[in-house]
C-alpha atoms as a PDB file:
ATOM      1  CA  MET A   1    -191.310  43.380-173.346  1.00  0.00           C
ATOM      2  CA  GLU A   2    -193.833  42.667-176.270  1.00  0.00           C
ATOM      3  CA  ILE A   3    -192.677  40.670-179.322  1.00  0.00           C
ATOM      4  CA  PRO A   4    -193.670  42.642-182.720  1.00  0.00           C
ATOM      5  CA  LYS A   5    -196.208  41.015-184.717  1.00  0.00           C
ATOM      6  CA  PRO A   6    -194.643  39.490-188.043  1.00  0.00           C
ATOM      7  CA  LEU A   7    -195.958  40.890-191.102  1.00  0.00           C
ATOM      8  CA  HIS A   8    -198.768  39.048-192.912  1.00  0.00           C
ATOM      9  CA  ASP A   9    -197.634  35.960-194.814  1.00  0.00           C
ATOM     10  CA  ALA A  10    -198.849  37.333-198.055  1.00  0.00           C
ATOM     11  CA  GLU A  11    -197.526  41.219-197.754  1.00  0.00           C
ATOM     12  CA  ASN A  12    -194.058  39.500-196.489  1.00  0.00           C
ATOM     13  CA  SER A  13    -193.742  37.244-199.611  1.00  0.00           C
ATOM     14  CA  MET A  14    -194.471  39.806-202.145  1.00  0.00           C
ATOM     15  CA  GLN A  15    -191.795  41.917-200.357  1.00  0.00           C
ATOM     16  CA  ARG A  16    -189.362  39.114-200.625  1.00  0.00           C
ATOM     17  CA  VAL A  17    -190.503  38.564-204.430  1.00  0.00           C
ATOM     18  CA  GLU A  18    -189.830  42.456-204.856  1.00  0.00           C
ATOM     19  CA  ALA A  19    -186.703  42.159-202.880  1.00  0.00           C
ATOM     20  CA  PHE A  20    -185.168  39.251-205.156  1.00  0.00           C
ATOM     21  CA  SER A  21    -186.193  40.817-207.901  1.00  0.00           C
ATOM     22  CA  ASP A  22    -184.389  44.177-207.383  1.00  0.00           C
ATOM     23  CA  GLY A  23    -181.075  42.299-206.888  1.00  0.00           C
ATOM     24  CA  VAL A  24    -181.412  40.273-210.134  1.00  0.00           C
ATOM     25  CA  PHE A  25    -182.108  43.563-212.196  1.00  0.00           C
ATOM     26  CA  ALA A  26    -179.304  45.869-210.240  1.00  0.00           C
ATOM     27  CA  ILE A  27    -176.740  42.618-211.161  1.00  0.00           C
ATOM     28  CA  ALA A  28    -178.131  42.647-214.835  1.00  0.00           C
ATOM     29  CA  ILE A  29    -178.054  46.089-215.104  1.00  0.00           C
ATOM     30  CA  THR A  30    -174.562  46.215-213.763  1.00  0.00           C
ATOM     31  CA  LEU A  31    -173.069  43.443-215.819  1.00  0.00           C
ATOM     32  CA  LEU A  32    -173.855  45.488-219.160  1.00  0.00           C
ATOM     33  CA  VAL A  33    -170.728  47.514-218.504  1.00  0.00           C
ATOM     34  CA  ILE A  34    -168.407  44.730-217.759  1.00  0.00           C
ATOM     35  CA  GLU A  35    -168.892  44.032-221.692  1.00  0.00           C
ATOM     36  CA  ILE A  36    -166.538  47.677-222.695  1.00  0.00           C
ATOM     37  CA  LYS A  37    -163.253  46.315-222.347  1.00  0.00           C
ATOM     38  CA  VAL A  38    -160.229  48.839-222.048  1.00  0.00           C
ATOM     39  CA  PRO A  39    -158.074  48.785-224.963  1.00  0.00           C
ATOM     40  CA  ALA A  40    -154.820  46.641-224.616  1.00  0.00           C
ATOM     41  CA  HIS A  41    -151.640  48.271-224.785  1.00  0.00           C
ATOM     42  CA  SER A  42    -150.860  46.253-227.539  1.00  0.00           C
ATOM     43  CA  GLU A  43    -153.481  48.040-229.523  1.00  0.00           C
ATOM     44  CA  LEU A  44    -151.551  51.314-229.000  1.00  0.00           C
ATOM     45  CA  GLU A  45    -149.211  50.417-231.588  1.00  0.00           C
ATOM     46  CA  HIS A  46    -151.854  50.748-234.569  1.00  0.00           C
ATOM     47  CA  ALA A  47    -153.953  53.621-233.214  1.00  0.00           C
ATOM     48  CA  SER A  48    -154.061  56.054-230.822  1.00  0.00           C
ATOM     49  CA  LEU A  49    -156.043  55.641-227.287  1.00  0.00           C
ATOM     50  CA  THR A  50    -158.593  58.312-228.511  1.00  0.00           C
ATOM     51  CA  GLN A  51    -159.252  56.077-231.787  1.00  0.00           C
ATOM     52  CA  LEU A  52    -159.713  53.078-229.877  1.00  0.00           C
ATOM     53  CA  LEU A  53    -162.093  54.833-227.715  1.00  0.00           C
ATOM     54  CA  LEU A  54    -163.854  56.185-230.517  1.00  0.00           C
ATOM     55  CA  LYS A  55    -164.044  52.675-232.374  1.00  0.00           C
ATOM     56  CA  SER A  56    -165.820  51.256-229.536  1.00  0.00           C
ATOM     57  CA  TRP A  57    -169.103  53.501-230.065  1.00  0.00           C
ATOM     58  CA  PRO A  58    -171.423  50.701-231.035  1.00  0.00           C
ATOM     59  CA  LYS A  59    -170.640  49.030-227.696  1.00  0.00           C
ATOM     60  CA  TYR A  60    -171.545  52.415-226.058  1.00  0.00           C
ATOM     61  CA  ALA A  61    -174.621  52.271-227.956  1.00  0.00           C
ATOM     62  CA  ALA A  62    -175.840  48.683-227.262  1.00  0.00           C
ATOM     63  CA  TYR A  63    -175.030  49.697-223.241  1.00  0.00           C
ATOM     64  CA  VAL A  64    -176.702  52.486-223.191  1.00  0.00           C
ATOM     65  CA  PHE A  65    -179.885  51.192-225.226  1.00  0.00           C
ATOM     66  CA  SER A  66    -179.784  47.808-222.735  1.00  0.00           C
ATOM     67  CA  PHE A  67    -179.460  49.738-219.787  1.00  0.00           C
ATOM     68  CA  PHE A  68    -182.493  51.639-220.405  1.00  0.00           C
ATOM     69  CA  THR A  69    -184.080  48.992-221.503  1.00  0.00           C
ATOM     70  CA  ILE A  70    -183.536  46.868-218.149  1.00  0.00           C
ATOM     71  CA  GLY A  71    -184.359  50.213-216.092  1.00  0.00           C
ATOM     72  CA  ILE A  72    -187.766  50.268-217.912  1.00  0.00           C
ATOM     73  CA  PHE A  73    -188.547  46.669-216.891  1.00  0.00           C
ATOM     74  CA  TRP A  74    -187.536  47.275-213.347  1.00  0.00           C
ATOM     75  CA  ALA A  75    -189.800  50.609-213.153  1.00  0.00           C
ATOM     76  CA  ASN A  76    -192.496  48.961-214.654  1.00  0.00           C
ATOM     77  CA  HIS A  77    -192.113  45.948-212.510  1.00  0.00           C
ATOM     78  CA  HIS A  78    -192.230  47.859-209.291  1.00  0.00           C
ATOM     79  CA  HIS A  79    -195.260  49.619-210.239  1.00  0.00           C
ATOM     80  CA  TRP A  80    -196.638  46.660-211.209  1.00  0.00           C
ATOM     81  CA  LEU A  81    -195.901  44.562-208.497  1.00  0.00           C
ATOM     82  CA  LYS A  82    -198.646  46.642-206.469  1.00  0.00           C
ATOM     83  CA  LEU A  83    -201.414  45.464-208.164  1.00  0.00           C
ATOM     84  CA  PHE A  84    -201.040  41.831-206.532  1.00  0.00           C
ATOM     85  CA  ARG A  85    -202.532  40.931-203.340  1.00  0.00           C
ATOM     86  CA  LYS A  86    -200.550  37.735-202.678  1.00  0.00           C
ATOM     87  CA  THR A  87    -198.085  35.408-204.563  1.00  0.00           C
ATOM     88  CA  ASP A  88    -197.790  31.525-204.807  1.00  0.00           C
ATOM     89  CA  HIS A  89    -195.673  28.912-205.685  1.00  0.00           C
ATOM     90  CA  VAL A  90    -196.104  29.064-209.491  1.00  0.00           C
ATOM     91  CA  PHE A  91    -196.102  32.965-209.619  1.00  0.00           C
ATOM     92  CA  ILE A  92    -192.569  32.957-207.861  1.00  0.00           C
ATOM     93  CA  LEU A  93    -191.191  30.173-210.583  1.00  0.00           C
ATOM     94  CA  LEU A  94    -192.675  32.494-213.351  1.00  0.00           C
ATOM     95  CA  ASN A  95    -191.108  35.662-212.088  1.00  0.00           C
ATOM     96  CA  VAL A  96    -187.574  33.795-211.622  1.00  0.00           C
ATOM     97  CA  PHE A  97    -188.138  32.507-215.725  1.00  0.00           C
ATOM     98  CA  PHE A  98    -188.781  36.379-216.315  1.00  0.00           C
ATOM     99  CA  LEU A  99    -185.706  37.621-213.992  1.00  0.00           C
ATOM    100  CA  MET A 100    -183.695  34.800-215.975  1.00  0.00           C
ATOM    101  CA  CYS A 101    -184.723  36.135-219.045  1.00  0.00           C
ATOM    102  CA  ILE A 102    -183.117  39.819-217.793  1.00  0.00           C
ATOM    103  CA  SER A 103    -180.368  38.653-216.556  1.00  0.00           C
ATOM    104  CA  PHE A 104    -179.499  37.141-219.827  1.00  0.00           C
ATOM    105  CA  LEU A 105    -179.642  40.075-221.873  1.00  0.00           C
ATOM    106  CA  PRO A 106    -176.448  41.382-221.415  1.00  0.00           C
ATOM    107  CA  PHE A 107    -175.129  38.550-223.410  1.00  0.00           C
ATOM    108  CA  PRO A 108    -176.763  39.441-226.545  1.00  0.00           C
ATOM    109  CA  THR A 109    -175.894  43.392-225.937  1.00  0.00           C
ATOM    110  CA  ALA A 110    -172.357  42.359-225.847  1.00  0.00           C
ATOM    111  CA  VAL A 111    -172.731  40.375-229.242  1.00  0.00           C
ATOM    112  CA  LEU A 112    -174.613  43.515-230.510  1.00  0.00           C
ATOM    113  CA  GLY A 113    -172.001  46.097-229.653  1.00  0.00           C
ATOM    114  CA  ASP A 114    -169.246  43.474-231.075  1.00  0.00           C
ATOM    115  CA  TYR A 115    -170.598  42.752-234.702  1.00  0.00           C
ATOM    116  CA  ILE A 116    -173.271  45.441-235.584  1.00  0.00           C
ATOM    117  CA  THR A 117    -170.625  46.822-237.622  1.00  0.00           C
ATOM    118  CA  HIS A 118    -169.472  43.668-239.434  1.00  0.00           C
ATOM    119  CA  PRO A 119    -171.497  43.804-242.597  1.00  0.00           C
ATOM    120  CA  GLU A 120    -171.380  39.975-242.652  1.00  0.00           C
ATOM    121  CA  GLN A 121    -172.487  39.104-239.073  1.00  0.00           C
ATOM    122  CA  LYS A 122    -174.813  42.151-238.505  1.00  0.00           C
ATOM    123  CA  GLN A 123    -177.864  40.649-239.131  1.00  0.00           C
ATOM    124  CA  THR A 124    -177.269  37.747-236.842  1.00  0.00           C
ATOM    125  CA  ALA A 125    -176.429  39.726-233.940  1.00  0.00           C
ATOM    126  CA  VAL A 126    -179.351  42.197-234.682  1.00  0.00           C
ATOM    127  CA  THR A 127    -181.680  39.123-234.708  1.00  0.00           C
ATOM    128  CA  PHE A 128    -180.186  37.710-231.691  1.00  0.00           C
ATOM    129  CA  TYR A 129    -180.574  40.772-229.906  1.00  0.00           C
ATOM    130  CA  THR A 130    -184.345  41.149-230.618  1.00  0.00           C
ATOM    131  CA  ILE A 131    -184.522  37.652-229.388  1.00  0.00           C
ATOM    132  CA  GLY A 132    -182.836  38.685-226.291  1.00  0.00           C
ATOM    133  CA  ILE A 133    -184.948  41.927-225.966  1.00  0.00           C
ATOM    134  CA  PHE A 134    -188.655  39.594-226.649  1.00  0.00           C
ATOM    135  CA  LEU A 135    -187.725  36.816-223.828  1.00  0.00           C
ATOM    136  CA  PRO A 136    -188.431  39.267-221.319  1.00  0.00           C
ATOM    137  CA  ALA A 137    -191.866  40.372-222.621  1.00  0.00           C
ATOM    138  CA  VAL A 138    -193.059  36.987-222.694  1.00  0.00           C
ATOM    139  CA  GLY A 139    -192.066  36.173-219.511  1.00  0.00           C
ATOM    140  CA  TRP A 140    -193.614  39.313-218.340  1.00  0.00           C
ATOM    141  CA  LEU A 141    -196.884  38.218-220.172  1.00  0.00           C
ATOM    142  CA  LEU A 142    -196.485  34.902-218.808  1.00  0.00           C
ATOM    143  CA  LEU A 143    -196.718  36.249-215.402  1.00  0.00           C
ATOM    144  CA  TRP A 144    -199.852  38.380-216.067  1.00  0.00           C
ATOM    145  CA  LEU A 145    -201.713  35.791-217.554  1.00  0.00           C
ATOM    146  CA  TYR A 146    -201.464  33.421-214.619  1.00  0.00           C
ATOM    147  CA  ALA A 147    -201.890  36.059-211.940  1.00  0.00           C
ATOM    148  CA  SER A 148    -204.749  37.608-213.898  1.00  0.00           C
ATOM    149  CA  HIS A 149    -206.750  34.791-214.423  1.00  0.00           C
ATOM    150  CA  LYS A 150    -209.901  34.975-212.484  1.00  0.00           C
ATOM    151  CA  LYS A 151    -208.247  37.560-210.300  1.00  0.00           C
ATOM    152  CA  ARG A 152    -206.302  34.607-208.781  1.00  0.00           C
ATOM    153  CA  LEU A 153    -203.522  36.858-207.249  1.00  0.00           C
ATOM    154  CA  LEU A 154    -204.607  40.396-208.037  1.00  0.00           C
ATOM    155  CA  ASN A 155    -206.296  42.960-206.079  1.00  0.00           C
ATOM    156  CA  GLU A 156    -209.924  41.844-205.885  1.00  0.00           C
ATOM    157  CA  ARG A 157    -210.937  45.484-206.135  1.00  0.00           C
ATOM    158  CA  LEU A 158    -209.077  45.926-209.611  1.00  0.00           C
ATOM    159  CA  SER A 159    -211.468  46.984-212.839  1.00  0.00           C
ATOM    160  CA  PRO A 160    -211.910  44.294-215.180  1.00  0.00           C
ATOM    161  CA  ALA A 161    -211.937  46.916-217.844  1.00  0.00           C
ATOM    162  CA  TYR A 162    -208.434  47.572-216.566  1.00  0.00           C
ATOM    163  CA  ILE A 163    -207.234  44.000-216.544  1.00  0.00           C
ATOM    164  CA  ARG A 164    -208.407  43.793-219.869  1.00  0.00           C
ATOM    165  CA  TYR A 165    -206.779  46.886-221.070  1.00  0.00           C
ATOM    166  CA  LEU A 166    -203.161  45.406-219.475  1.00  0.00           C
ATOM    167  CA  THR A 167    -203.829  41.552-221.279  1.00  0.00           C
ATOM    168  CA  ARG A 168    -204.054  43.656-224.582  1.00  0.00           C
ATOM    169  CA  LEU A 169    -201.412  45.902-224.172  1.00  0.00           C
ATOM    170  CA  TYR A 170    -198.759  42.934-223.121  1.00  0.00           C
ATOM    171  CA  PHE A 171    -200.017  40.888-225.902  1.00  0.00           C
ATOM    172  CA  ILE A 172    -199.448  43.844-228.340  1.00  0.00           C
ATOM    173  CA  SER A 173    -196.177  44.544-226.992  1.00  0.00           C
ATOM    174  CA  ASN A 174    -195.215  40.806-227.499  1.00  0.00           C
ATOM    175  CA  CYS A 175    -196.637  40.750-230.944  1.00  0.00           C
ATOM    176  CA  ALA A 176    -194.575  44.070-231.579  1.00  0.00           C
ATOM    177  CA  TYR A 177    -191.367  42.507-230.305  1.00  0.00           C
ATOM    178  CA  PHE A 178    -191.702  39.347-232.407  1.00  0.00           C
ATOM    179  CA  MET A 179    -192.271  41.310-235.245  1.00  0.00           C
ATOM    180  CA  ALA A 180    -189.065  42.828-234.756  1.00  0.00           C
ATOM    181  CA  ILE A 181    -187.143  39.431-234.708  1.00  0.00           C
ATOM    182  CA  ILE A 182    -188.982  38.992-238.184  1.00  0.00           C
ATOM    183  CA  ILE A 183    -187.992  42.153-239.454  1.00  0.00           C
ATOM    184  CA  SER A 184    -184.394  41.331-238.342  1.00  0.00           C
ATOM    185  CA  LEU A 185    -184.130  38.645-240.862  1.00  0.00           C
ATOM    186  CA  PHE A 186    -184.521  40.772-243.676  1.00  0.00           C
ATOM    187  CA  ASN A 187    -183.759  44.496-242.276  1.00  0.00           C
ATOM    188  CA  PRO A 188    -181.464  44.906-239.247  1.00  0.00           C
ATOM    189  CA  ASN A 189    -181.746  48.566-239.116  1.00  0.00           C
ATOM    190  CA  ALA A 190    -185.603  48.645-239.085  1.00  0.00           C
ATOM    191  CA  ALA A 191    -185.613  46.058-236.484  1.00  0.00           C
ATOM    192  CA  ILE A 192    -183.175  48.070-234.431  1.00  0.00           C
ATOM    193  CA  ILE A 193    -185.752  51.356-235.088  1.00  0.00           C
ATOM    194  CA  VAL A 194    -188.783  49.244-234.102  1.00  0.00           C
ATOM    195  CA  THR A 195    -187.128  48.045-230.570  1.00  0.00           C
ATOM    196  CA  ILE A 196    -185.884  51.467-229.971  1.00  0.00           C
ATOM    197  CA  ILE A 197    -189.819  52.899-230.428  1.00  0.00           C
ATOM    198  CA  LEU A 198    -190.986  50.281-228.095  1.00  0.00           C
ATOM    199  CA  ALA A 199    -188.560  51.500-225.582  1.00  0.00           C
ATOM    200  CA  PHE A 200    -189.657  55.015-225.787  1.00  0.00           C
ATOM    201  CA  LEU A 201    -193.279  54.112-225.749  1.00  0.00           C
ATOM    202  CA  TYR A 202    -192.474  52.528-222.249  1.00  0.00           C
ATOM    203  CA  LEU A 203    -190.796  55.603-220.762  1.00  0.00           C
ATOM    204  CA  PHE A 204    -194.163  56.955-220.282  1.00  0.00           C
ATOM    205  CA  PRO A 205    -195.913  56.663-216.835  1.00  0.00           C
ATOM    206  CA  PRO A 206    -198.033  53.685-216.849  1.00  0.00           C
ATOM    207  CA  LYS A 207    -201.783  54.115-216.613  1.00  0.00           C
ATOM    208  CA  LYS A 208    -203.120  54.366-213.147  1.00  0.00           C
ATOM    209  CA  PRO A 209    -205.031  51.268-211.992  1.00  0.00           C
ATOM    210  CA  LYS A 210    -208.931  51.610-211.857  1.00  0.00           C
ATOM    211  CA  TYR A 211    -210.686  50.039-208.744  1.00  0.00           C
ATOM    212  CA  VAL A 212    -214.432  49.391-208.289  1.00  0.00           C
END
């Protein structure tokens, strides 16, 4: 009986990176809903169940927005990994850092949902949330800069112009997310609008890779 040949090491390594990443994305996106608590029976003494459920609208809004944000990161990550021909130890560690930032996002989401309607705490909650959104963008940029340097890990046929395009795009995105943090210090509502616009921009299909 012939023993099947194992997958190529580089291909197998990339598949493991994608599988592990998918697992972390799935857990992070699931954790978001855990922060939406069922109203306690004791609260029904002061309001009806309908009122209590409607009162939790900020948590629903934060949940939906973060769900789509993580979903967009996952969809782009899935497409993005196809640009690489191999991985290495540093890339794997940088990807772990990126995933750590993704899995952290449910926490600032919970803070935003709890305090966005509190006038005295709103600015802190929004700033903390924009930092939470900014961190995965930083992790993504670090991954790209490491992998794209002299096409260290990229498909060697990728067009240099396309590589430069993605590098500019990721730098601009990081600058935009960082500006959202700065804006949140003075105008929390405007900062939320900026993050929503950025999320909608990434809903569009990514530009198709160009090869030479």
